[in-house]
Each structure stands twice: as C-alpha cells, then as structure tokens.
C-alpha cells in the first residue's frame, strides 16, 4: 500500500486497500483516459505530486477526499472544472481551492469503488475520519461539512 494512504488502514482492511485502490497518474492532463474508472459508487483521493501540506500532526500530499455514486462521471466533472479553473487561475481569478492545488502541484487520483453493503458516503466519512485522526485536520481542499458523524 502506498504510504500516503496509510491513514485508511484504521477504517478499511489493508487487503481491501491493496486490491481495490487504483490510481490515475497525472489525472488532469489533456490526454487522460478514464476507461478504467468504473461507473459505480466509490471514493477518490486527490494527491499533490510535487508537494506536501503541513497539518497539525504531520505532512501529507493528500488535499481532497471525495465520493460519488458514479466515479467515472464525477472524475470527468473534476477534469472539466479543473480546466475552467486553470483558465481562471491564469487570469488571477480565484476558484475552488482543490483545483488551485491541482494546478500548482500536479495531481494523482486514487480511487476505490464500493463493494458490499457499505455506501459511498459512509466510506468517505471513514476515510476523512482516518485522515483527521492521523493529521489533526481535514484535507486542505475539503470543506467543513465534508465529514459527518
């Protein structure tokens, strides 16, 4: 398992992580292919390729944890919004912070589809809770209402 995803192991079985987590390298490049991304529910984690962020309990390259009922559709939406944000960024306009981080540092996206009875929002909450427990804060690109108890 990638060390960067170690915070997941508190809430998700390590064997599941090893076998179910997939990666899209350089996720927002122009020729990115989403063919291997399922049209199923799941979670995804955006990772800065060129930097880490300082959190109260350590440093992590994770800047956003999200969920979707259709991973392929949601990641394509992120690509579209990223491209819009990149244009705004070049014109010195502010956009959602997660896209500014992606523009500034490059992005890999790890994703995992939901299997069994658990729903995607519960898995996202567990991932965010695991991140919070390990680093003492939410990922910098997540809003305050991303996490539910």
C-alpha atoms as a PDB file:
ATOM      1  CA  UNK A   1       0.000   0.000   0.000  1.00  0.00           C
ATOM      2  CA  UNK A   2       1.201   3.468  -0.741  1.00  0.00           C
ATOM      3  CA  UNK A   3       2.377   5.124   2.447  1.00  0.00           C
ATOM      4  CA  UNK A   4       0.368   8.169   1.501  1.00  0.00           C
ATOM      5  CA  UNK A   5      -2.848   6.170   2.028  1.00  0.00           C
ATOM      6  CA  UNK A   6      -1.768   4.718   5.376  1.00  0.00           C
ATOM      7  CA  UNK A   7      -4.469   6.742   7.176  1.00  0.00           C
ATOM      8  CA  UNK A   8      -7.100   4.493   5.543  1.00  0.00           C
ATOM      9  CA  UNK A   9      -5.892   1.359   7.312  1.00  0.00           C
ATOM     10  CA  UNK A  10      -7.596   2.331  10.585  1.00  0.00           C
ATOM     11  CA  UNK A  11     -11.027   2.009   8.977  1.00  0.00           C
ATOM     12  CA  UNK A  12     -10.540  -0.107   5.876  1.00  0.00           C
ATOM     13  CA  UNK A  13      -8.954  -3.568   5.784  1.00  0.00           C
ATOM     14  CA  UNK A  14      -5.428  -3.370   4.338  1.00  0.00           C
ATOM     15  CA  UNK A  15      -6.086  -6.267   1.940  1.00  0.00           C
ATOM     16  CA  UNK A  16      -9.083  -4.370   0.566  1.00  0.00           C
ATOM     17  CA  UNK A  17      -6.937  -1.272   0.108  1.00  0.00           C
ATOM     18  CA  UNK A  18      -4.198  -3.261  -1.648  1.00  0.00           C
ATOM     19  CA  UNK A  19      -6.594  -4.936  -4.065  1.00  0.00           C
ATOM     20  CA  UNK A  20      -9.268  -2.287  -4.592  1.00  0.00           C
ATOM     21  CA  UNK A  21      -7.406   1.046  -4.757  1.00  0.00           C
ATOM     22  CA  UNK A  22      -6.439   2.161  -8.264  1.00  0.00           C
ATOM     23  CA  UNK A  23      -4.542   5.225  -9.444  1.00  0.00           C
ATOM     24  CA  UNK A  24      -4.814   7.722 -12.267  1.00  0.00           C
ATOM     25  CA  UNK A  25      -1.362   9.282 -12.719  1.00  0.00           C
ATOM     26  CA  UNK A  26      -1.287  12.942 -13.758  1.00  0.00           C
ATOM     27  CA  UNK A  27      -5.062  12.949 -13.545  1.00  0.00           C
ATOM     28  CA  UNK A  28      -5.708  16.328 -15.158  1.00  0.00           C
ATOM     29  CA  UNK A  29      -3.513  16.091 -18.237  1.00  0.00           C
ATOM     30  CA  UNK A  30      -5.212  16.654 -21.586  1.00  0.00           C
ATOM     31  CA  UNK A  31      -4.913  13.042 -22.745  1.00  0.00           C
ATOM     32  CA  UNK A  32      -6.108  11.425 -19.506  1.00  0.00           C
ATOM     33  CA  UNK A  33      -8.157   8.281 -20.055  1.00  0.00           C
ATOM     34  CA  UNK A  34     -10.958   7.327 -17.695  1.00  0.00           C
ATOM     35  CA  UNK A  35     -11.694   3.963 -19.359  1.00  0.00           C
ATOM     36  CA  UNK A  36     -10.561   2.018 -16.287  1.00  0.00           C
ATOM     37  CA  UNK A  37     -12.705   4.056 -13.899  1.00  0.00           C
ATOM     38  CA  UNK A  38     -15.975   2.256 -13.104  1.00  0.00           C
ATOM     39  CA  UNK A  39     -19.380   3.864 -13.422  1.00  0.00           C
ATOM     40  CA  UNK A  40     -20.019   2.697  -9.859  1.00  0.00           C
ATOM     41  CA  UNK A  41     -20.108   4.323  -6.405  1.00  0.00           C
ATOM     42  CA  UNK A  42     -16.822   4.926  -4.646  1.00  0.00           C
ATOM     43  CA  UNK A  43     -14.371   7.323  -3.089  1.00  0.00           C
ATOM     44  CA  UNK A  44     -11.383   9.137  -4.546  1.00  0.00           C
ATOM     45  CA  UNK A  45      -8.393  10.890  -3.042  1.00  0.00           C
ATOM     46  CA  UNK A  46      -6.500  13.711  -4.735  1.00  0.00           C
ATOM     47  CA  UNK A  47      -2.763  13.742  -4.079  1.00  0.00           C
ATOM     48  CA  UNK A  48      -0.354  16.602  -4.842  1.00  0.00           C
ATOM     49  CA  UNK A  49       2.531  15.216  -6.879  1.00  0.00           C
ATOM     50  CA  UNK A  50       5.063  17.941  -6.156  1.00  0.00           C
ATOM     51  CA  UNK A  51       4.408  18.992  -2.578  1.00  0.00           C
ATOM     52  CA  UNK A  52       3.025  18.071   0.772  1.00  0.00           C
ATOM     53  CA  UNK A  53       0.824  20.088   3.063  1.00  0.00           C
ATOM     54  CA  UNK A  54       1.654  20.784   6.692  1.00  0.00           C
ATOM     55  CA  UNK A  55      -1.051  19.599   9.061  1.00  0.00           C
ATOM     56  CA  UNK A  56      -1.011  19.786  12.877  1.00  0.00           C
ATOM     57  CA  UNK A  57       0.279  16.189  13.260  1.00  0.00           C
ATOM     58  CA  UNK A  58       2.462  15.879  10.183  1.00  0.00           C
ATOM     59  CA  UNK A  59       2.826  16.392   6.460  1.00  0.00           C
ATOM     60  CA  UNK A  60       0.705  14.773   3.745  1.00  0.00           C
ATOM     61  CA  UNK A  61       0.289  15.214  -0.013  1.00  0.00           C
ATOM     62  CA  UNK A  62      -3.461  14.465   0.289  1.00  0.00           C
ATOM     63  CA  UNK A  63      -5.501  17.574  -0.409  1.00  0.00           C
ATOM     64  CA  UNK A  64      -9.007  16.264  -1.128  1.00  0.00           C
ATOM     65  CA  UNK A  65     -11.138  13.222  -0.342  1.00  0.00           C
ATOM     66  CA  UNK A  66     -14.404  12.873  -2.250  1.00  0.00           C
ATOM     67  CA  UNK A  67     -17.193  10.468  -3.058  1.00  0.00           C
ATOM     68  CA  UNK A  68     -19.543   9.751  -5.927  1.00  0.00           C
ATOM     69  CA  UNK A  69     -22.330   7.441  -6.990  1.00  0.00           C
ATOM     70  CA  UNK A  70     -20.620   7.297 -10.428  1.00  0.00           C
ATOM     71  CA  UNK A  71     -16.824   7.594 -10.187  1.00  0.00           C
ATOM     72  CA  UNK A  72     -16.217   7.968 -13.921  1.00  0.00           C
ATOM     73  CA  UNK A  73     -18.757  10.759 -14.303  1.00  0.00           C
ATOM     74  CA  UNK A  74     -17.519  12.597 -11.199  1.00  0.00           C
ATOM     75  CA  UNK A  75     -13.852  12.445 -12.179  1.00  0.00           C
ATOM     76  CA  UNK A  76     -14.705  13.714 -15.670  1.00  0.00           C
ATOM     77  CA  UNK A  77     -16.579  16.592 -13.998  1.00  0.00           C
ATOM     78  CA  UNK A  78     -13.476  17.351 -11.923  1.00  0.00           C
ATOM     79  CA  UNK A  79     -11.424  17.418 -15.140  1.00  0.00           C
ATOM     80  CA  UNK A  80     -13.853  19.885 -16.731  1.00  0.00           C
ATOM     81  CA  UNK A  81     -13.856  22.111 -13.631  1.00  0.00           C
ATOM     82  CA  UNK A  82     -10.078  21.874 -13.392  1.00  0.00           C
ATOM     83  CA  UNK A  83      -9.736  23.123 -16.980  1.00  0.00           C
ATOM     84  CA  UNK A  84     -12.078  26.025 -16.231  1.00  0.00           C
ATOM     85  CA  UNK A  85     -10.172  26.794 -13.025  1.00  0.00           C
ATOM     86  CA  UNK A  86      -6.855  26.668 -14.876  1.00  0.00           C
ATOM     87  CA  UNK A  87      -8.074  29.372 -17.238  1.00  0.00           C
ATOM     88  CA  UNK A  88      -9.325  31.438 -14.264  1.00  0.00           C
ATOM     89  CA  UNK A  89      -6.045  30.814 -12.409  1.00  0.00           C
ATOM     90  CA  UNK A  90      -4.033  32.146 -15.343  1.00  0.00           C
ATOM     91  CA  UNK A  91      -6.241  35.262 -15.268  1.00  0.00           C
ATOM     92  CA  UNK A  92      -5.699  35.654 -11.489  1.00  0.00           C
ATOM     93  CA  UNK A  93      -9.249  34.698 -10.542  1.00  0.00           C
ATOM     94  CA  UNK A  94      -9.843  32.503  -7.502  1.00  0.00           C
ATOM     95  CA  UNK A  95     -11.595  29.165  -7.862  1.00  0.00           C
ATOM     96  CA  UNK A  96     -12.205  26.213  -5.549  1.00  0.00           C
ATOM     97  CA  UNK A  97      -9.005  25.598  -3.626  1.00  0.00           C
ATOM     98  CA  UNK A  98      -8.815  21.939  -4.645  1.00  0.00           C
ATOM     99  CA  UNK A  99      -8.314  22.964  -8.280  1.00  0.00           C
ATOM    100  CA  UNK A 100      -5.740  25.596  -7.376  1.00  0.00           C
ATOM    101  CA  UNK A 101      -3.769  22.902  -5.527  1.00  0.00           C
ATOM    102  CA  UNK A 102      -4.101  20.595  -8.532  1.00  0.00           C
ATOM    103  CA  UNK A 103      -2.876  23.323 -10.880  1.00  0.00           C
ATOM    104  CA  UNK A 104       0.032  24.341  -8.667  1.00  0.00           C
ATOM    105  CA  UNK A 105       1.307  20.884  -7.669  1.00  0.00           C
ATOM    106  CA  UNK A 106       0.013  18.335 -10.202  1.00  0.00           C
ATOM    107  CA  UNK A 107      -2.363  15.571  -9.186  1.00  0.00           C
ATOM    108  CA  UNK A 108      -2.628  11.826  -8.970  1.00  0.00           C
ATOM    109  CA  UNK A 109      -6.028  10.437  -8.049  1.00  0.00           C
ATOM    110  CA  UNK A 110      -6.502   7.223  -6.110  1.00  0.00           C
ATOM    111  CA  UNK A 111      -9.983   5.722  -6.331  1.00  0.00           C
ATOM    112  CA  UNK A 112     -11.791   2.761  -4.855  1.00  0.00           C
ATOM    113  CA  UNK A 113     -15.235   1.540  -5.729  1.00  0.00           C
ATOM    114  CA  UNK A 114     -17.666   0.434  -3.074  1.00  0.00           C
ATOM    115  CA  UNK A 115     -18.285  -3.254  -2.620  1.00  0.00           C
ATOM    116  CA  UNK A 116     -20.665  -4.982  -0.279  1.00  0.00           C
ATOM    117  CA  UNK A 117     -23.297  -3.189   1.777  1.00  0.00           C
ATOM    118  CA  UNK A 118     -21.394  -0.045   2.706  1.00  0.00           C
ATOM    119  CA  UNK A 119     -22.429   3.136   0.927  1.00  0.00           C
ATOM    120  CA  UNK A 120     -20.009   5.625  -0.557  1.00  0.00           C
ATOM    121  CA  UNK A 121     -20.770   8.439   1.904  1.00  0.00           C
ATOM    122  CA  UNK A 122     -20.011   6.174   4.890  1.00  0.00           C
ATOM    123  CA  UNK A 123     -16.711   5.120   3.312  1.00  0.00           C
ATOM    124  CA  UNK A 124     -15.824   8.754   2.562  1.00  0.00           C
ATOM    125  CA  UNK A 125     -16.575   9.679   6.176  1.00  0.00           C
ATOM    126  CA  UNK A 126     -14.337   6.860   7.400  1.00  0.00           C
ATOM    127  CA  UNK A 127     -11.529   7.982   5.103  1.00  0.00           C
ATOM    128  CA  UNK A 128     -11.842  11.596   6.248  1.00  0.00           C
ATOM    129  CA  UNK A 129     -12.035  10.500   9.878  1.00  0.00           C
ATOM    130  CA  UNK A 130      -8.892   8.396   9.418  1.00  0.00           C
ATOM    131  CA  UNK A 131      -7.136  11.359   7.845  1.00  0.00           C
ATOM    132  CA  UNK A 132      -8.265  13.661  10.647  1.00  0.00           C
ATOM    133  CA  UNK A 133      -7.123  11.195  13.324  1.00  0.00           C
ATOM    134  CA  UNK A 134      -3.670  10.878  11.731  1.00  0.00           C
ATOM    135  CA  UNK A 135      -3.064  14.526  10.746  1.00  0.00           C
ATOM    136  CA  UNK A 136      -5.287  16.542  13.101  1.00  0.00           C
ATOM    137  CA  UNK A 137      -7.178  18.365  10.338  1.00  0.00           C
ATOM    138  CA  UNK A 138      -9.329  17.840   7.269  1.00  0.00           C
ATOM    139  CA  UNK A 139      -7.543  17.767   3.904  1.00  0.00           C
ATOM    140  CA  UNK A 140      -6.993  21.361   2.771  1.00  0.00           C
ATOM    141  CA  UNK A 141      -9.386  21.036  -0.192  1.00  0.00           C
ATOM    142  CA  UNK A 142     -12.283  19.611   1.825  1.00  0.00           C
ATOM    143  CA  UNK A 143     -14.907  21.881   3.329  1.00  0.00           C
ATOM    144  CA  UNK A 144     -16.003  21.771   6.941  1.00  0.00           C
ATOM    145  CA  UNK A 145     -19.136  19.798   6.045  1.00  0.00           C
ATOM    146  CA  UNK A 146     -17.312  17.007   4.183  1.00  0.00           C
ATOM    147  CA  UNK A 147     -17.141  14.952   7.339  1.00  0.00           C
ATOM    148  CA  UNK A 148     -20.226  13.544   9.007  1.00  0.00           C
ATOM    149  CA  UNK A 149     -20.500  11.531  12.163  1.00  0.00           C
END
